[in-house]
Amino acid sequence: MFHGTNKGMYADSTIAIRKDIKTTVEKKCTLCEELEHAYTSTGNILDLKSVQNRKQEQIARKRSFERLVPLKSIIKASFECCTSLYELADYLNVTEEFLKDALTYYQSKYGLYTEVGNYCVYFSPLTVCKYKYKK
């Protein structure tokens, strides 16, 4: 039984996903987050009024973002001519909502941009630049 807006749930070594999720892409995003709960969460964390439960929820969300939307894949997609969030989400095989949440997470983690190897990833607007010369 799912309560509220929960799309999935992990309990007793079992992951359940709502039946009414229509696309496999959304199921994939939900499954990834629930797998991260399996790896990191303990106890019943359904009550998000608890600070400890919210922390566990955020850890699973962050790990799912880093697993499905890694910065290196954003860089690769930019050179595959992905020019919109829709195209990037399609390229990464995630929902646009999940992608937007991942970009918000990265911006809160790194600020306006971060450097990855010879590339600079700006988060707003999403832009990837290659350095000609790396310092």
N, C-alpha and C. Protein backbone atom coordinates (compact mmCIF):
# COMPACT_ATOMS: atom_id res chain seq x y z
N MET A 1 0.85 -1.18 0.00
CA MET A 1 0.00 0.00 0.00
C MET A 1 0.89 1.24 0.00
N PHE A 2 0.68 2.12 -0.96
CA PHE A 2 1.45 3.34 -1.06
C PHE A 2 0.66 4.51 -0.50
N HIS A 3 1.36 5.38 0.21
CA HIS A 3 0.72 6.55 0.80
C HIS A 3 1.23 7.80 0.10
N GLY A 4 0.35 8.78 -0.10
CA GLY A 4 0.77 10.05 -0.67
C GLY A 4 1.33 9.91 -2.07
N THR A 5 2.49 10.52 -2.27
CA THR A 5 3.10 10.54 -3.59
C THR A 5 4.23 9.54 -3.76
N ASN A 6 4.39 8.63 -2.81
CA ASN A 6 5.45 7.62 -2.92
C ASN A 6 5.27 6.81 -4.19
N LYS A 7 6.35 6.76 -4.98
CA LYS A 7 6.32 5.98 -6.21
C LYS A 7 6.86 4.58 -6.00
N GLY A 8 7.66 4.43 -4.96
CA GLY A 8 8.24 3.14 -4.67
C GLY A 8 8.52 3.02 -3.20
N MET A 9 8.87 1.80 -2.80
CA MET A 9 9.15 1.55 -1.39
C MET A 9 10.10 0.37 -1.28
N TYR A 10 11.00 0.47 -0.31
CA TYR A 10 11.90 -0.63 -0.01
C TYR A 10 11.63 -1.08 1.42
N ALA A 11 11.41 -2.37 1.62
CA ALA A 11 11.23 -2.93 2.96
C ALA A 11 11.53 -4.42 2.92
N ASP A 12 12.19 -4.90 3.93
CA ASP A 12 12.46 -6.34 4.08
C ASP A 12 13.05 -6.97 2.82
N SER A 13 14.07 -6.33 2.27
CA SER A 13 14.78 -6.82 1.08
C SER A 13 13.90 -6.91 -0.16
N THR A 14 12.82 -6.12 -0.19
CA THR A 14 11.91 -6.11 -1.33
C THR A 14 11.65 -4.68 -1.77
N ILE A 15 11.67 -4.47 -3.08
CA ILE A 15 11.33 -3.17 -3.65
C ILE A 15 9.99 -3.29 -4.33
N ALA A 16 9.09 -2.36 -4.01
CA ALA A 16 7.78 -2.30 -4.67
C ALA A 16 7.68 -0.97 -5.41
N ILE A 17 7.09 -1.02 -6.61
CA ILE A 17 6.89 0.17 -7.42
C ILE A 17 5.41 0.27 -7.75
N ARG A 18 4.89 1.48 -7.68
CA ARG A 18 3.46 1.69 -7.95
C ARG A 18 3.07 1.14 -9.32
N LYS A 19 1.90 0.55 -9.40
CA LYS A 19 1.39 -0.01 -10.66
C LYS A 19 1.07 1.07 -11.68
N ASP A 20 0.69 2.24 -11.21
CA ASP A 20 0.23 3.28 -12.14
C ASP A 20 1.36 4.09 -12.77
N ILE A 21 2.61 3.73 -12.53
CA ILE A 21 3.72 4.38 -13.22
C ILE A 21 3.75 3.81 -14.63
N LYS A 22 3.56 4.67 -15.60
CA LYS A 22 3.34 4.21 -16.98
C LYS A 22 4.63 3.89 -17.75
N THR A 23 5.66 4.71 -17.60
CA THR A 23 6.83 4.54 -18.46
C THR A 23 7.93 3.75 -17.78
N THR A 24 8.70 3.04 -18.57
CA THR A 24 9.82 2.30 -18.02
C THR A 24 10.91 3.26 -17.54
N VAL A 25 11.00 4.43 -18.14
CA VAL A 25 11.99 5.42 -17.71
C VAL A 25 11.68 5.88 -16.29
N GLU A 26 10.43 6.18 -16.00
CA GLU A 26 10.06 6.60 -14.64
C GLU A 26 10.25 5.45 -13.66
N LYS A 27 9.93 4.23 -14.09
CA LYS A 27 10.15 3.06 -13.24
C LYS A 27 11.64 2.91 -12.93
N LYS A 28 12.48 3.14 -13.93
CA LYS A 28 13.93 3.03 -13.74
C LYS A 28 14.41 4.03 -12.69
N CYS A 29 13.96 5.27 -12.78
CA CYS A 29 14.36 6.30 -11.82
C CYS A 29 13.90 5.93 -10.41
N THR A 30 12.68 5.44 -10.30
CA THR A 30 12.13 5.03 -9.01
C THR A 30 12.91 3.84 -8.46
N LEU A 31 13.17 2.86 -9.30
CA LEU A 31 13.92 1.67 -8.88
C LEU A 31 15.31 2.05 -8.39
N CYS A 32 15.98 2.94 -9.07
CA CYS A 32 17.32 3.34 -8.68
C CYS A 32 17.30 3.98 -7.29
N GLU A 33 16.35 4.85 -7.05
CA GLU A 33 16.27 5.48 -5.72
C GLU A 33 15.98 4.44 -4.64
N GLU A 34 15.09 3.51 -4.93
CA GLU A 34 14.78 2.48 -3.94
C GLU A 34 15.97 1.56 -3.69
N LEU A 35 16.75 1.27 -4.72
CA LEU A 35 17.98 0.50 -4.53
C LEU A 35 18.94 1.24 -3.61
N GLU A 36 19.02 2.55 -3.79
CA GLU A 36 19.90 3.35 -2.92
C GLU A 36 19.40 3.30 -1.48
N HIS A 37 18.08 3.26 -1.29
CA HIS A 37 17.55 3.09 0.07
C HIS A 37 17.99 1.74 0.63
N ALA A 38 17.97 0.72 -0.22
CA ALA A 38 18.39 -0.61 0.24
C ALA A 38 19.85 -0.59 0.71
N TYR A 39 20.68 0.20 0.02
CA TYR A 39 22.10 0.27 0.37
C TYR A 39 22.38 1.16 1.57
N THR A 40 21.53 2.18 1.80
CA THR A 40 21.90 3.22 2.78
C THR A 40 20.92 3.44 3.92
N SER A 41 19.66 3.09 3.78
CA SER A 41 18.66 3.46 4.77
C SER A 41 18.44 2.34 5.79
N THR A 42 18.03 2.76 6.99
CA THR A 42 17.70 1.80 8.03
C THR A 42 16.38 2.20 8.68
N GLY A 43 15.58 1.22 8.99
CA GLY A 43 14.32 1.47 9.68
C GLY A 43 13.24 2.01 8.76
N ASN A 44 12.12 2.37 9.35
CA ASN A 44 10.98 2.93 8.63
C ASN A 44 11.19 4.43 8.52
N ILE A 45 11.36 4.93 7.31
CA ILE A 45 11.62 6.36 7.12
C ILE A 45 10.45 7.06 6.43
N LEU A 46 9.27 6.48 6.48
CA LEU A 46 8.11 7.07 5.81
C LEU A 46 7.70 8.41 6.40
N ASP A 47 7.89 8.60 7.70
CA ASP A 47 7.51 9.85 8.34
C ASP A 47 8.61 10.89 8.10
N LEU A 48 8.40 11.76 7.12
CA LEU A 48 9.43 12.73 6.76
C LEU A 48 9.42 13.96 7.67
N LYS A 49 8.63 13.93 8.74
CA LYS A 49 8.71 14.99 9.75
C LYS A 49 9.97 14.82 10.58
N SER A 50 10.48 13.60 10.60
CA SER A 50 11.71 13.30 11.33
C SER A 50 12.93 13.77 10.53
N VAL A 51 13.80 14.53 11.18
CA VAL A 51 15.02 15.01 10.52
C VAL A 51 15.87 13.84 10.05
N GLN A 52 16.00 12.82 10.88
CA GLN A 52 16.81 11.65 10.52
C GLN A 52 16.24 10.95 9.27
N ASN A 53 14.94 10.84 9.18
CA ASN A 53 14.31 10.21 8.01
C ASN A 53 14.53 11.05 6.77
N ARG A 54 14.42 12.37 6.89
CA ARG A 54 14.65 13.26 5.73
C ARG A 54 16.10 13.13 5.26
N LYS A 55 17.03 13.01 6.19
CA LYS A 55 18.44 12.84 5.82
C LYS A 55 18.64 11.56 5.03
N GLN A 56 18.02 10.47 5.49
CA GLN A 56 18.15 9.20 4.77
C GLN A 56 17.53 9.29 3.38
N GLU A 57 16.41 9.97 3.27
CA GLU A 57 15.77 10.17 1.96
C GLU A 57 16.69 10.95 1.03
N GLN A 58 17.29 12.01 1.54
CA GLN A 58 18.19 12.83 0.73
C GLN A 58 19.43 12.06 0.29
N ILE A 59 19.97 11.23 1.15
CA ILE A 59 21.14 10.43 0.78
C ILE A 59 20.80 9.52 -0.39
N ALA A 60 19.66 8.84 -0.31
CA ALA A 60 19.26 7.94 -1.41
C ALA A 60 19.02 8.72 -2.69
N ARG A 61 18.37 9.89 -2.59
CA ARG A 61 18.12 10.71 -3.78
C ARG A 61 19.44 11.15 -4.43
N LYS A 62 20.35 11.66 -3.62
CA LYS A 62 21.64 12.13 -4.14
C LYS A 62 22.40 11.01 -4.83
N ARG A 63 22.42 9.85 -4.20
CA ARG A 63 23.14 8.72 -4.80
C ARG A 63 22.48 8.27 -6.11
N SER A 64 21.15 8.35 -6.18
CA SER A 64 20.48 7.97 -7.42
C SER A 64 20.78 8.99 -8.52
N PHE A 65 20.89 10.28 -8.17
CA PHE A 65 21.25 11.29 -9.16
C PHE A 65 22.65 11.01 -9.71
N GLU A 66 23.58 10.73 -8.81
CA GLU A 66 24.96 10.50 -9.24
C GLU A 66 25.09 9.21 -10.04
N ARG A 67 24.24 8.25 -9.78
CA ARG A 67 24.27 6.98 -10.54
C ARG A 67 23.67 7.15 -11.94
N LEU A 68 22.52 7.83 -12.05
CA LEU A 68 21.82 7.90 -13.34
C LEU A 68 22.16 9.14 -14.16
N VAL A 69 22.67 10.19 -13.51
CA VAL A 69 23.01 11.42 -14.22
C VAL A 69 24.42 11.85 -13.82
N PRO A 70 25.41 11.02 -14.11
CA PRO A 70 26.77 11.39 -13.74
C PRO A 70 27.26 12.57 -14.59
N LEU A 71 28.11 13.39 -14.02
CA LEU A 71 28.60 14.57 -14.74
C LEU A 71 29.29 14.19 -16.05
N LYS A 72 30.02 13.10 -16.06
CA LYS A 72 30.71 12.68 -17.28
C LYS A 72 29.71 12.37 -18.40
N SER A 73 28.54 11.86 -18.05
CA SER A 73 27.51 11.59 -19.07
C SER A 73 26.88 12.87 -19.58
N ILE A 74 26.77 13.87 -18.73
CA ILE A 74 26.28 15.18 -19.18
C ILE A 74 27.26 15.77 -20.19
N ILE A 75 28.54 15.64 -19.91
CA ILE A 75 29.57 16.13 -20.83
C ILE A 75 29.49 15.39 -22.15
N LYS A 76 29.42 14.08 -22.10
CA LYS A 76 29.34 13.27 -23.32
C LYS A 76 28.10 13.64 -24.13
N ALA A 77 26.97 13.81 -23.45
CA ALA A 77 25.72 14.15 -24.15
C ALA A 77 25.83 15.50 -24.85
N SER A 78 26.56 16.44 -24.25
CA SER A 78 26.68 17.76 -24.88
C SER A 78 27.40 17.67 -26.21
N PHE A 79 28.30 16.71 -26.33
CA PHE A 79 29.01 16.53 -27.59
C PHE A 79 28.29 15.59 -28.55
N GLU A 80 27.18 15.05 -28.10
CA GLU A 80 26.30 14.26 -28.96
C GLU A 80 25.13 15.12 -29.44
N CYS A 81 25.27 16.42 -29.28
CA CYS A 81 24.31 17.42 -29.76
C CYS A 81 22.98 17.42 -28.99
N CYS A 82 23.01 17.11 -27.73
CA CYS A 82 21.81 17.27 -26.89
C CYS A 82 21.74 18.76 -26.53
N THR A 83 20.69 19.42 -26.99
CA THR A 83 20.62 20.86 -26.82
C THR A 83 19.49 21.31 -25.89
N SER A 84 18.69 20.39 -25.41
CA SER A 84 17.59 20.76 -24.51
C SER A 84 17.53 19.76 -23.36
N LEU A 85 16.80 20.13 -22.31
CA LEU A 85 16.63 19.21 -21.19
C LEU A 85 15.91 17.94 -21.65
N TYR A 86 14.93 18.09 -22.54
CA TYR A 86 14.22 16.92 -23.06
C TYR A 86 15.19 15.96 -23.74
N GLU A 87 16.06 16.50 -24.61
CA GLU A 87 17.02 15.65 -25.32
C GLU A 87 18.02 15.01 -24.36
N LEU A 88 18.46 15.77 -23.37
CA LEU A 88 19.40 15.23 -22.40
C LEU A 88 18.75 14.13 -21.57
N ALA A 89 17.52 14.36 -21.13
CA ALA A 89 16.80 13.33 -20.36
C ALA A 89 16.63 12.07 -21.20
N ASP A 90 16.28 12.25 -22.47
CA ASP A 90 16.12 11.11 -23.37
C ASP A 90 17.45 10.37 -23.55
N TYR A 91 18.52 11.12 -23.75
CA TYR A 91 19.85 10.54 -23.92
C TYR A 91 20.27 9.73 -22.69
N LEU A 92 19.98 10.28 -21.50
CA LEU A 92 20.37 9.62 -20.25
C LEU A 92 19.35 8.57 -19.80
N ASN A 93 18.21 8.52 -20.49
CA ASN A 93 17.15 7.57 -20.18
C ASN A 93 16.60 7.80 -18.76
N VAL A 94 16.33 9.07 -18.46
CA VAL A 94 15.71 9.47 -17.19
C VAL A 94 14.56 10.42 -17.52
N THR A 95 13.69 10.66 -16.56
CA THR A 95 12.61 11.62 -16.78
C THR A 95 13.16 13.04 -16.70
N GLU A 96 12.46 13.97 -17.32
CA GLU A 96 12.88 15.36 -17.23
C GLU A 96 12.84 15.84 -15.78
N GLU A 97 11.84 15.41 -15.03
CA GLU A 97 11.74 15.80 -13.62
C GLU A 97 12.95 15.31 -12.84
N PHE A 98 13.35 14.06 -13.06
CA PHE A 98 14.51 13.50 -12.38
C PHE A 98 15.77 14.28 -12.78
N LEU A 99 15.90 14.60 -14.08
CA LEU A 99 17.05 15.36 -14.56
C LEU A 99 17.10 16.74 -13.91
N LYS A 100 15.97 17.43 -13.86
CA LYS A 100 15.93 18.76 -13.24
C LYS A 100 16.32 18.68 -11.77
N ASP A 101 15.82 17.67 -11.07
CA ASP A 101 16.18 17.48 -9.66
C ASP A 101 17.67 17.19 -9.52
N ALA A 102 18.22 16.41 -10.43
CA ALA A 102 19.66 16.09 -10.39
C ALA A 102 20.49 17.36 -10.61
N LEU A 103 20.09 18.19 -11.56
CA LEU A 103 20.82 19.43 -11.83
C LEU A 103 20.73 20.39 -10.65
N THR A 104 19.58 20.44 -10.01
CA THR A 104 19.42 21.26 -8.80
C THR A 104 20.34 20.74 -7.70
N TYR A 105 20.41 19.43 -7.55
CA TYR A 105 21.31 18.83 -6.57
C TYR A 105 22.76 19.19 -6.87
N TYR A 106 23.19 19.04 -8.13
CA TYR A 106 24.57 19.36 -8.48
C TYR A 106 24.87 20.84 -8.22
N GLN A 107 23.93 21.71 -8.54
CA GLN A 107 24.16 23.14 -8.31
C GLN A 107 24.27 23.43 -6.81
N SER A 108 23.47 22.75 -5.99
CA SER A 108 23.59 22.97 -4.55
C SER A 108 24.90 22.40 -4.02
N LYS A 109 25.41 21.35 -4.65
CA LYS A 109 26.65 20.72 -4.21
C LYS A 109 27.87 21.53 -4.66
N TYR A 110 27.88 22.01 -5.92
CA TYR A 110 29.06 22.63 -6.50
C TYR A 110 28.97 24.14 -6.67
N GLY A 111 27.78 24.69 -6.67
CA GLY A 111 27.62 26.10 -6.99
C GLY A 111 27.22 26.26 -8.45
N LEU A 112 27.61 27.36 -9.07
CA LEU A 112 27.19 27.62 -10.45
C LEU A 112 27.82 26.69 -11.46
N TYR A 113 29.00 26.16 -11.14
CA TYR A 113 29.68 25.27 -12.09
C TYR A 113 30.64 24.36 -11.34
N THR A 114 31.13 23.34 -12.07
CA THR A 114 32.21 22.51 -11.55
C THR A 114 33.10 22.09 -12.71
N GLU A 115 34.33 21.77 -12.39
CA GLU A 115 35.27 21.30 -13.39
C GLU A 115 35.39 19.78 -13.31
N VAL A 116 35.35 19.15 -14.47
CA VAL A 116 35.50 17.70 -14.57
C VAL A 116 36.55 17.46 -15.65
N GLY A 117 37.76 17.11 -15.22
CA GLY A 117 38.84 16.93 -16.19
C GLY A 117 39.09 18.22 -16.95
N ASN A 118 39.04 18.14 -18.28
CA ASN A 118 39.27 19.32 -19.14
C ASN A 118 37.97 20.05 -19.49
N TYR A 119 36.93 19.81 -18.72
CA TYR A 119 35.62 20.40 -19.02
C TYR A 119 35.11 21.20 -17.83
N CYS A 120 34.28 22.16 -18.15
CA CYS A 120 33.59 22.94 -17.13
C CYS A 120 32.09 22.78 -17.39
N VAL A 121 31.37 22.34 -16.37
CA VAL A 121 29.93 22.15 -16.49
C VAL A 121 29.25 23.27 -15.69
N TYR A 122 28.52 24.13 -16.41
CA TYR A 122 27.72 25.19 -15.80
C TYR A 122 26.30 24.65 -15.64
N PHE A 123 25.69 24.94 -14.52
CA PHE A 123 24.38 24.36 -14.23
C PHE A 123 23.19 25.24 -14.59
N SER A 124 23.40 26.55 -14.70
CA SER A 124 22.27 27.42 -15.02
C SER A 124 22.75 28.61 -15.84
N PRO A 125 22.50 28.60 -17.15
CA PRO A 125 21.90 27.52 -17.91
C PRO A 125 22.90 26.38 -18.11
N LEU A 126 22.38 25.20 -18.32
CA LEU A 126 23.23 24.03 -18.48
C LEU A 126 24.10 24.19 -19.73
N THR A 127 25.41 24.23 -19.49
CA THR A 127 26.37 24.44 -20.58
C THR A 127 27.63 23.65 -20.25
N VAL A 128 28.24 23.07 -21.27
CA VAL A 128 29.52 22.37 -21.08
C VAL A 128 30.54 23.02 -21.98
N CYS A 129 31.68 23.37 -21.39
CA CYS A 129 32.78 23.97 -22.15
C CYS A 129 34.03 23.12 -21.98
N LYS A 130 34.79 23.05 -23.06
CA LYS A 130 36.06 22.32 -23.00
C LYS A 130 37.19 23.34 -22.92
N TYR A 131 38.11 23.10 -22.00
CA TYR A 131 39.27 23.97 -21.88
C TYR A 131 40.23 23.66 -23.01
N LYS A 132 40.78 24.71 -23.62
CA LYS A 132 41.84 24.49 -24.61
C LYS A 132 43.12 24.12 -23.90
N TYR A 133 43.36 24.80 -22.80
CA TYR A 133 44.56 24.54 -22.02
C TYR A 133 44.15 24.34 -20.57
N LYS A 134 44.53 23.25 -20.01
CA LYS A 134 44.24 22.97 -18.62
C LYS A 134 45.41 23.47 -17.78
N LYS A 135 45.13 24.24 -16.75
CA LYS A 135 46.17 24.80 -15.87
C LYS A 135 46.88 23.72 -15.11
